Amino acid sequence: MLAEKAAKIPAKRWAYIGFISEYSKAVYDNFKKRLSELRPDVIWVSYHEQPISKLDAPSAINKLSADKPDALLNLLVVGDQQKFIRAGHTIGFLKKLKTVVSPNFGLPEEHEGMPATDIPSGWITGGYPIDEIDTPTHVAFVKAFNKKYGMKPNHTSFISYITIKAIAAALEKAKNASTAARRKAFEDLSFPSPIGPLVINKKNHQSTLGFWVGTTAVKDGAFKLMDWSYMPGDKYMPFAKENKP
């Protein structure tokens, strides 16, 4: 879903930076594959993995700069991400890029506490535009969460709530406590969520939960996800053609 937006940017020389994990490697592999399908002219000029929470931002940026990319896939998170952005502004690296794709930067817990002057504009990212998701079930979820905890939910809260809902629905469907019954119950399981019913596909064990994708911006002194759209999970997960229950 991110590659589709990135493919529209006239950038050809891509670089990657991210923390060392199976998640990051999977995102990189799938993004690279899909972008190459959409843009056969794209080349990857640089690949940099970093131990999480141990980023030397100026050093990493110097290594990236040496390869002269005009676009970046950025899988850094939280503290490392914020250090990278500050150094990228200071050194002038970020302004040389035509685009940056950072899948998680738009999530509230990723940019929380960043000064508005540090927040980059125009990055392609996933996010959680909590105040703009206006379905009745989501509005009710946010209201109930705020009443109980005195704060708005972030994306982790949202995912955790959905996970508990899925487990509860599976236990109810299983009817007994055996491992086999519980495992079977998750196949084609339909369960409620704040954004409507979701299904866990028995072929790939993925839910149909999607992601909100847009671009980064600052509005009224705070982060804002601009021009976002909700991308349904069943259209983008691996083996998408087989995802329909």
C-alpha atoms as a PDB file:
ATOM      1  CA  MET A   1       0.000   0.000   0.000  1.00  0.00           C
ATOM      2  CA  LEU A   2       2.923   2.355   0.690  1.00  0.00           C
ATOM      3  CA  ALA A   3       4.710   1.325  -2.493  1.00  0.00           C
ATOM      4  CA  GLU A   4       1.718   2.401  -4.577  1.00  0.00           C
ATOM      5  CA  LYS A   5       2.041   5.958  -3.292  1.00  0.00           C
ATOM      6  CA  ALA A   6       5.832   5.913  -3.554  1.00  0.00           C
ATOM      7  CA  ALA A   7       5.700   4.765  -7.173  1.00  0.00           C
ATOM      8  CA  LYS A   8       4.055   8.049  -8.149  1.00  0.00           C
ATOM      9  CA  ILE A   9       7.069  10.065  -6.978  1.00  0.00           C
ATOM     10  CA  PRO A  10       9.716  10.659  -9.692  1.00  0.00           C
ATOM     11  CA  ALA A  11      12.528   9.156  -7.627  1.00  0.00           C
ATOM     12  CA  LYS A  12      14.777   6.394  -8.951  1.00  0.00           C
ATOM     13  CA  ARG A  13      17.630   5.926  -6.479  1.00  0.00           C
ATOM     14  CA  TRP A  14      16.312   4.385  -3.279  1.00  0.00           C
ATOM     15  CA  ALA A  15      18.081   3.767   0.020  1.00  0.00           C
ATOM     16  CA  TYR A  16      16.987   1.904   3.137  1.00  0.00           C
ATOM     17  CA  ILE A  17      17.642   2.421   6.826  1.00  0.00           C
ATOM     18  CA  GLY A  18      15.984   0.508   9.645  1.00  0.00           C
ATOM     19  CA  PHE A  19      16.464  -1.356  12.884  1.00  0.00           C
ATOM     20  CA  ILE A  20      17.516  -5.007  12.836  1.00  0.00           C
ATOM     21  CA  SER A  21      14.405  -7.211  13.066  1.00  0.00           C
ATOM     22  CA  GLU A  22      12.380  -9.716  11.078  1.00  0.00           C
ATOM     23  CA  TYR A  23       9.618  -7.118  10.825  1.00  0.00           C
ATOM     24  CA  SER A  24      11.887  -4.530   9.221  1.00  0.00           C
ATOM     25  CA  LYS A  25      13.338  -7.077   6.800  1.00  0.00           C
ATOM     26  CA  ALA A  26       9.849  -8.226   5.774  1.00  0.00           C
ATOM     27  CA  VAL A  27       8.691  -4.643   5.180  1.00  0.00           C
ATOM     28  CA  TYR A  28      11.803  -3.909   3.129  1.00  0.00           C
ATOM     29  CA  ASP A  29      11.486  -7.078   1.031  1.00  0.00           C
ATOM     30  CA  ASN A  30       7.797  -6.581   0.276  1.00  0.00           C
ATOM     31  CA  PHE A  31       8.118  -2.847  -0.387  1.00  0.00           C
ATOM     32  CA  LYS A  32      11.078  -3.401  -2.706  1.00  0.00           C
ATOM     33  CA  LYS A  33       9.265  -6.156  -4.594  1.00  0.00           C
ATOM     34  CA  ARG A  34       6.081  -4.162  -5.080  1.00  0.00           C
ATOM     35  CA  LEU A  35       7.880  -0.936  -6.001  1.00  0.00           C
ATOM     36  CA  SER A  36       9.939  -2.802  -8.596  1.00  0.00           C
ATOM     37  CA  GLU A  37       6.737  -4.160 -10.128  1.00  0.00           C
ATOM     38  CA  LEU A  38       5.294  -0.667 -10.384  1.00  0.00           C
ATOM     39  CA  ARG A  39       8.559   1.078 -11.277  1.00  0.00           C
ATOM     40  CA  PRO A  40      11.054  -1.211 -13.057  1.00  0.00           C
ATOM     41  CA  ASP A  41      13.408   1.767 -13.457  1.00  0.00           C
ATOM     42  CA  VAL A  42      14.016   2.034  -9.701  1.00  0.00           C
ATOM     43  CA  ILE A  43      17.394   0.973  -8.305  1.00  0.00           C
ATOM     44  CA  TRP A  44      18.419   0.402  -4.687  1.00  0.00           C
ATOM     45  CA  VAL A  45      21.731   2.058  -3.940  1.00  0.00           C
ATOM     46  CA  SER A  46      22.086   1.617  -0.187  1.00  0.00           C
ATOM     47  CA  TYR A  47      20.991  -0.698   2.644  1.00  0.00           C
ATOM     48  CA  HIS A  48      21.748   0.127   6.282  1.00  0.00           C
ATOM     49  CA  GLU A  49      20.601  -1.867   9.325  1.00  0.00           C
ATOM     50  CA  GLN A  50      21.004  -0.432  12.815  1.00  0.00           C
ATOM     51  CA  PRO A  51      20.737  -2.060  16.263  1.00  0.00           C
ATOM     52  CA  ILE A  52      17.667  -0.553  17.872  1.00  0.00           C
ATOM     53  CA  SER A  53      18.321   2.348  20.281  1.00  0.00           C
ATOM     54  CA  LYS A  54      21.985   2.542  19.228  1.00  0.00           C
ATOM     55  CA  LEU A  55      21.773   4.816  16.209  1.00  0.00           C
ATOM     56  CA  ASP A  56      24.669   7.160  15.499  1.00  0.00           C
ATOM     57  CA  ALA A  57      22.574   9.477  13.357  1.00  0.00           C
ATOM     58  CA  PRO A  58      25.312  11.665  11.800  1.00  0.00           C
ATOM     59  CA  SER A  59      27.385   8.597  10.896  1.00  0.00           C
ATOM     60  CA  ALA A  60      24.387   6.809   9.379  1.00  0.00           C
ATOM     61  CA  ILE A  61      23.429   9.883   7.365  1.00  0.00           C
ATOM     62  CA  ASN A  62      26.961  10.292   6.049  1.00  0.00           C
ATOM     63  CA  LYS A  63      26.926   6.680   4.841  1.00  0.00           C
ATOM     64  CA  LEU A  64      23.564   7.171   3.154  1.00  0.00           C
ATOM     65  CA  SER A  65      24.636  10.452   1.567  1.00  0.00           C
ATOM     66  CA  ALA A  66      27.663   8.807  -0.006  1.00  0.00           C
ATOM     67  CA  ASP A  67      25.350   6.657  -2.132  1.00  0.00           C
ATOM     68  CA  LYS A  68      23.416   9.691  -3.423  1.00  0.00           C
ATOM     69  CA  PRO A  69      19.842   8.422  -3.009  1.00  0.00           C
ATOM     70  CA  ASP A  70      16.877  10.580  -3.959  1.00  0.00           C
ATOM     71  CA  ALA A  71      14.373   8.547  -1.915  1.00  0.00           C
ATOM     72  CA  LEU A  72      14.469   6.690   1.387  1.00  0.00           C
ATOM     73  CA  LEU A  73      12.594   3.809   2.998  1.00  0.00           C
ATOM     74  CA  ASN A  74      12.912   4.524   6.714  1.00  0.00           C
ATOM     75  CA  LEU A  75      12.141   1.816   9.285  1.00  0.00           C
ATOM     76  CA  LEU A  76      13.651   3.562  12.292  1.00  0.00           C
ATOM     77  CA  VAL A  77      11.398   3.990  15.322  1.00  0.00           C
ATOM     78  CA  VAL A  78      10.802   6.336  18.250  1.00  0.00           C
ATOM     79  CA  GLY A  79      14.090   7.627  19.738  1.00  0.00           C
ATOM     80  CA  ASP A  80      16.248   6.531  16.813  1.00  0.00           C
ATOM     81  CA  GLN A  81      13.794   8.050  14.383  1.00  0.00           C
ATOM     82  CA  GLN A  82      13.719  11.359  16.196  1.00  0.00           C
ATOM     83  CA  LYS A  83      17.532  11.526  16.368  1.00  0.00           C
ATOM     84  CA  PHE A  84      17.711  10.723  12.654  1.00  0.00           C
ATOM     85  CA  ILE A  85      15.240  13.459  11.762  1.00  0.00           C
ATOM     86  CA  ARG A  86      17.016  16.113  13.834  1.00  0.00           C
ATOM     87  CA  ALA A  87      20.384  15.210  12.340  1.00  0.00           C
ATOM     88  CA  GLY A  88      18.863  14.966   8.871  1.00  0.00           C
ATOM     89  CA  HIS A  89      17.570  18.515   9.155  1.00  0.00           C
ATOM     90  CA  THR A  90      20.841  19.826  10.579  1.00  0.00           C
ATOM     91  CA  ILE A  91      23.058  18.179   7.981  1.00  0.00           C
ATOM     92  CA  GLY A  92      20.653  18.994   5.158  1.00  0.00           C
ATOM     93  CA  PHE A  93      20.213  15.386   4.062  1.00  0.00           C
ATOM     94  CA  LEU A  94      16.421  15.250   4.205  1.00  0.00           C
ATOM     95  CA  LYS A  95      15.866  18.256   1.956  1.00  0.00           C
ATOM     96  CA  LYS A  96      17.831  16.529  -0.809  1.00  0.00           C
ATOM     97  CA  LEU A  97      15.351  13.639  -0.988  1.00  0.00           C
ATOM     98  CA  LYS A  98      12.303  13.623  -3.236  1.00  0.00           C
ATOM     99  CA  THR A  99      10.426  11.422  -0.806  1.00  0.00           C
ATOM    100  CA  VAL A 100      10.732   9.445   2.416  1.00  0.00           C
ATOM    101  CA  VAL A 101       8.535   6.441   3.169  1.00  0.00           C
ATOM    102  CA  SER A 102       8.331   5.739   6.897  1.00  0.00           C
ATOM    103  CA  PRO A 103       5.592   3.179   7.590  1.00  0.00           C
ATOM    104  CA  ASN A 104       5.114   3.879  11.294  1.00  0.00           C
ATOM    105  CA  PHE A 105       6.088   7.516  11.804  1.00  0.00           C
ATOM    106  CA  GLY A 106       2.487   8.684  11.558  1.00  0.00           C
ATOM    107  CA  LEU A 107       1.421   6.642  14.584  1.00  0.00           C
ATOM    108  CA  PRO A 108       0.871   8.836  17.663  1.00  0.00           C
ATOM    109  CA  GLU A 109       3.333   6.892  19.808  1.00  0.00           C
ATOM    110  CA  GLU A 110       6.092   7.353  17.223  1.00  0.00           C
ATOM    111  CA  HIS A 111       6.135  11.154  17.002  1.00  0.00           C
ATOM    112  CA  GLU A 112       4.823  11.974  20.476  1.00  0.00           C
ATOM    113  CA  GLY A 113       6.854  14.704  22.125  1.00  0.00           C
ATOM    114  CA  MET A 114       8.582  15.880  18.955  1.00  0.00           C
ATOM    115  CA  PRO A 115       8.769  19.647  18.523  1.00  0.00           C
ATOM    116  CA  ALA A 116       6.618  20.792  15.632  1.00  0.00           C
ATOM    117  CA  THR A 117       9.711  22.309  14.040  1.00  0.00           C
ATOM    118  CA  ASP A 118      11.290  18.844  13.797  1.00  0.00           C
ATOM    119  CA  ILE A 119       8.328  17.074  12.219  1.00  0.00           C
ATOM    120  CA  PRO A 120       9.003  16.558   8.494  1.00  0.00           C
ATOM    121  CA  SER A 121       6.348  17.361   5.921  1.00  0.00           C
ATOM    122  CA  GLY A 122       5.384  15.227   2.962  1.00  0.00           C
ATOM    123  CA  TRP A 123       6.627  11.855   4.179  1.00  0.00           C
ATOM    124  CA  ILE A 124       4.511   8.895   3.110  1.00  0.00           C
ATOM    125  CA  THR A 125       3.445   7.078   6.251  1.00  0.00           C
ATOM    126  CA  GLY A 126       0.873   5.005   8.028  1.00  0.00           C
ATOM    127  CA  GLY A 127      -0.991   6.589  10.895  1.00  0.00           C
ATOM    128  CA  TYR A 128      -4.011   6.628  13.146  1.00  0.00           C
ATOM    129  CA  PRO A 129      -6.089   9.771  12.500  1.00  0.00           C
ATOM    130  CA  ILE A 130      -8.101   9.210  15.624  1.00  0.00           C
ATOM    131  CA  ASP A 131     -10.168  12.400  15.517  1.00  0.00           C
ATOM    132  CA  GLU A 132     -11.152  11.908  11.881  1.00  0.00           C
ATOM    133  CA  ILE A 133     -12.354   8.298  11.991  1.00  0.00           C
ATOM    134  CA  ASP A 134     -15.996   9.125  12.468  1.00  0.00           C
ATOM    135  CA  THR A 135     -17.763   5.764  12.389  1.00  0.00           C
ATOM    136  CA  PRO A 136     -20.131   5.432  15.373  1.00  0.00           C
ATOM    137  CA  THR A 137     -18.298   2.389  16.744  1.00  0.00           C
ATOM    138  CA  HIS A 138     -14.933   4.135  16.670  1.00  0.00           C
ATOM    139  CA  VAL A 139     -16.296   7.334  18.203  1.00  0.00           C
ATOM    140  CA  ALA A 140     -17.802   5.223  21.003  1.00  0.00           C
ATOM    141  CA  PHE A 141     -14.488   3.395  21.521  1.00  0.00           C
ATOM    142  CA  VAL A 142     -12.526   6.645  21.835  1.00  0.00           C
ATOM    143  CA  LYS A 143     -15.118   8.117  24.199  1.00  0.00           C
ATOM    144  CA  ALA A 144     -15.117   5.031  26.442  1.00  0.00           C
ATOM    145  CA  PHE A 145     -11.315   4.839  26.492  1.00  0.00           C
ATOM    146  CA  ASN A 146     -11.017   8.521  27.365  1.00  0.00           C
ATOM    147  CA  LYS A 147     -13.573   8.171  30.144  1.00  0.00           C
ATOM    148  CA  LYS A 148     -11.730   5.228  31.698  1.00  0.00           C
ATOM    149  CA  TYR A 149      -8.125   6.377  31.296  1.00  0.00           C
ATOM    150  CA  GLY A 150      -8.381  10.152  30.945  1.00  0.00           C
ATOM    151  CA  MET A 151      -6.604  10.181  27.596  1.00  0.00           C
ATOM    152  CA  LYS A 152      -7.127   9.261  23.970  1.00  0.00           C
ATOM    153  CA  PRO A 153      -6.073   5.817  22.785  1.00  0.00           C
ATOM    154  CA  ASN A 154      -3.000   5.515  20.620  1.00  0.00           C
ATOM    155  CA  HIS A 155      -2.547   2.912  17.893  1.00  0.00           C
ATOM    156  CA  THR A 156      -1.139   0.345  20.317  1.00  0.00           C
ATOM    157  CA  SER A 157      -4.260   0.746  22.471  1.00  0.00           C
ATOM    158  CA  PHE A 158      -6.436   0.305  19.392  1.00  0.00           C
ATOM    159  CA  ILE A 159      -4.608  -2.865  18.281  1.00  0.00           C
ATOM    160  CA  SER A 160      -4.594  -4.300  21.803  1.00  0.00           C
ATOM    161  CA  TYR A 161      -8.337  -3.792  22.124  1.00  0.00           C
ATOM    162  CA  ILE A 162      -8.953  -5.505  18.785  1.00  0.00           C
ATOM    163  CA  THR A 163      -6.717  -8.412  19.803  1.00  0.00           C
ATOM    164  CA  ILE A 164      -8.695  -8.966  23.007  1.00  0.00           C
ATOM    165  CA  LYS A 165     -11.938  -8.829  21.019  1.00  0.00           C
ATOM    166  CA  ALA A 166     -10.612 -11.496  18.636  1.00  0.00           C
ATOM    167  CA  ILE A 167      -9.526 -13.773  21.484  1.00  0.00           C
ATOM    168  CA  ALA A 168     -12.878 -13.377  23.238  1.00  0.00           C
ATOM    169  CA  ALA A 169     -14.767 -14.185  20.034  1.00  0.00           C
ATOM    170  CA  ALA A 170     -12.606 -17.263  19.439  1.00  0.00           C
ATOM    171  CA  LEU A 171     -13.153 -18.558  22.982  1.00  0.00           C
ATOM    172  CA  GLU A 172     -16.894 -18.111  22.613  1.00  0.00           C
ATOM    173  CA  LYS A 173     -16.877 -19.880  19.242  1.00  0.00           C
ATOM    174  CA  ALA A 174     -14.695 -22.764  20.482  1.00  0.00           C
ATOM    175  CA  LYS A 175     -17.238 -23.821  23.118  1.00  0.00           C
ATOM    176  CA  ASN A 176     -14.560 -25.788  24.997  1.00  0.00           C
ATOM    177  CA  ALA A 177     -11.060 -25.172  26.325  1.00  0.00           C
ATOM    178  CA  SER A 178      -9.113 -27.656  24.206  1.00  0.00           C
ATOM    179  CA  THR A 179      -6.196 -26.324  22.173  1.00  0.00           C
ATOM    180  CA  ALA A 180      -7.561 -27.898  18.993  1.00  0.00           C
ATOM    181  CA  ALA A 181     -10.964 -26.266  19.443  1.00  0.00           C
ATOM    182  CA  ARG A 182      -9.457 -22.862  20.119  1.00  0.00           C
ATOM    183  CA  ARG A 183      -7.153 -23.105  17.115  1.00  0.00           C
ATOM    184  CA  LYS A 184     -10.035 -24.156  14.877  1.00  0.00           C
ATOM    185  CA  ALA A 185     -12.167 -21.301  16.186  1.00  0.00           C
ATOM    186  CA  PHE A 186      -9.799 -18.718  14.718  1.00  0.00           C
ATOM    187  CA  GLU A 187     -10.338 -20.025  11.178  1.00  0.00           C
ATOM    188  CA  ASP A 188     -12.584 -17.564   9.337  1.00  0.00           C
ATOM    189  CA  LEU A 189     -13.385 -15.973  12.683  1.00  0.00           C
ATOM    190  CA  SER A 190     -15.556 -12.873  12.424  1.00  0.00           C
ATOM    191  CA  PHE A 191     -15.383 -10.478  15.347  1.00  0.00           C
ATOM    192  CA  PRO A 192     -16.361  -6.864  16.148  1.00  0.00           C
ATOM    193  CA  SER A 193     -13.935  -3.957  16.243  1.00  0.00           C
ATOM    194  CA  PRO A 194     -14.124  -0.168  16.569  1.00  0.00           C
ATOM    195  CA  ILE A 195     -13.977   0.130  12.768  1.00  0.00           C
ATOM    196  CA  GLY A 196     -16.497  -2.599  12.020  1.00  0.00           C
ATOM    197  CA  PRO A 197     -16.441  -6.394  11.680  1.00  0.00           C
ATOM    198  CA  LEU A 198     -13.105  -8.060  10.907  1.00  0.00           C
ATOM    199  CA  VAL A 199     -12.324 -11.576   9.724  1.00  0.00           C
ATOM    200  CA  ILE A 200      -9.296 -13.810  10.295  1.00  0.00           C
ATOM    201  CA  ASN A 201      -8.567 -15.681   7.088  1.00  0.00           C
ATOM    202  CA  LYS A 202      -7.999 -19.403   7.588  1.00  0.00           C
ATOM    203  CA  LYS A 203      -5.592 -19.640   4.636  1.00  0.00           C
ATOM    204  CA  ASN A 204      -2.970 -17.187   5.866  1.00  0.00           C
ATOM    205  CA  HIS A 205      -4.052 -16.459   9.467  1.00  0.00           C
ATOM    206  CA  GLN A 206      -4.206 -12.716   8.756  1.00  0.00           C
ATOM    207  CA  SER A 207      -7.062 -10.439   9.742  1.00  0.00           C
ATOM    208  CA  THR A 208      -8.715  -8.032   7.349  1.00  0.00           C
ATOM    209  CA  LEU A 209      -7.665  -5.056   9.496  1.00  0.00           C
ATOM    210  CA  GLY A 210      -6.094  -2.397   7.304  1.00  0.00           C
ATOM    211  CA  PHE A 211      -4.059   0.765   7.767  1.00  0.00           C
ATOM    212  CA  TRP A 212      -4.530   4.496   7.324  1.00  0.00           C
ATOM    213  CA  VAL A 213      -1.984   5.816   4.823  1.00  0.00           C
ATOM    214  CA  GLY A 214      -1.277   9.472   4.094  1.00  0.00           C
ATOM    215  CA  THR A 215       1.459  12.093   4.311  1.00  0.00           C
ATOM    216  CA  THR A 216       3.007  13.932   7.231  1.00  0.00           C
ATOM    217  CA  ALA A 217       2.306  17.578   7.968  1.00  0.00           C
ATOM    218  CA  VAL A 218       2.146  20.094  10.804  1.00  0.00           C
ATOM    219  CA  LYS A 219      -1.100  21.915  11.508  1.00  0.00           C
ATOM    220  CA  ASP A 220      -1.790  24.232  14.437  1.00  0.00           C
ATOM    221  CA  GLY A 221       1.573  23.320  15.930  1.00  0.00           C
ATOM    222  CA  ALA A 222       1.000  19.569  15.956  1.00  0.00           C
ATOM    223  CA  PHE A 223       1.450  16.521  13.757  1.00  0.00           C
ATOM    224  CA  LYS A 224      -1.313  15.819  11.240  1.00  0.00           C
ATOM    225  CA  LEU A 225      -1.806  12.941   8.811  1.00  0.00           C
ATOM    226  CA  MET A 226      -2.877  14.553   5.555  1.00  0.00           C
ATOM    227  CA  ASP A 227      -4.763  13.157   2.558  1.00  0.00           C
ATOM    228  CA  TRP A 228      -5.165   9.807   4.254  1.00  0.00           C
ATOM    229  CA  SER A 229      -7.201   6.863   3.112  1.00  0.00           C
ATOM    230  CA  TYR A 230      -8.002   3.559   4.774  1.00  0.00           C
ATOM    231  CA  MET A 231      -6.423   0.603   2.974  1.00  0.00           C
ATOM    232  CA  PRO A 232      -8.258  -2.688   3.749  1.00  0.00           C
ATOM    233  CA  GLY A 233      -5.930  -5.444   4.855  1.00  0.00           C
ATOM    234  CA  ASP A 234      -7.396  -8.198   2.702  1.00  0.00           C
ATOM    235  CA  LYS A 235      -6.291  -6.356  -0.434  1.00  0.00           C
ATOM    236  CA  TYR A 236      -2.664  -5.955   0.607  1.00  0.00           C
ATOM    237  CA  MET A 237      -1.621  -8.905   2.739  1.00  0.00           C
ATOM    238  CA  PRO A 238       0.593 -11.618   1.185  1.00  0.00           C
ATOM    239  CA  PHE A 239      -1.365 -13.915  -1.123  1.00  0.00           C
ATOM    240  CA  ALA A 240      -4.018 -11.218  -1.517  1.00  0.00           C
ATOM    241  CA  LYS A 241      -5.818 -13.151  -4.247  1.00  0.00           C
ATOM    242  CA  GLU A 242      -6.452 -15.921  -1.732  1.00  0.00           C
ATOM    243  CA  ASN A 243      -7.446 -13.684   1.128  1.00  0.00           C
ATOM    244  CA  LYS A 244     -11.179 -13.778   0.605  1.00  0.00           C
ATOM    245  CA  PRO A 245     -12.665 -16.211   3.124  1.00  0.00           C
END
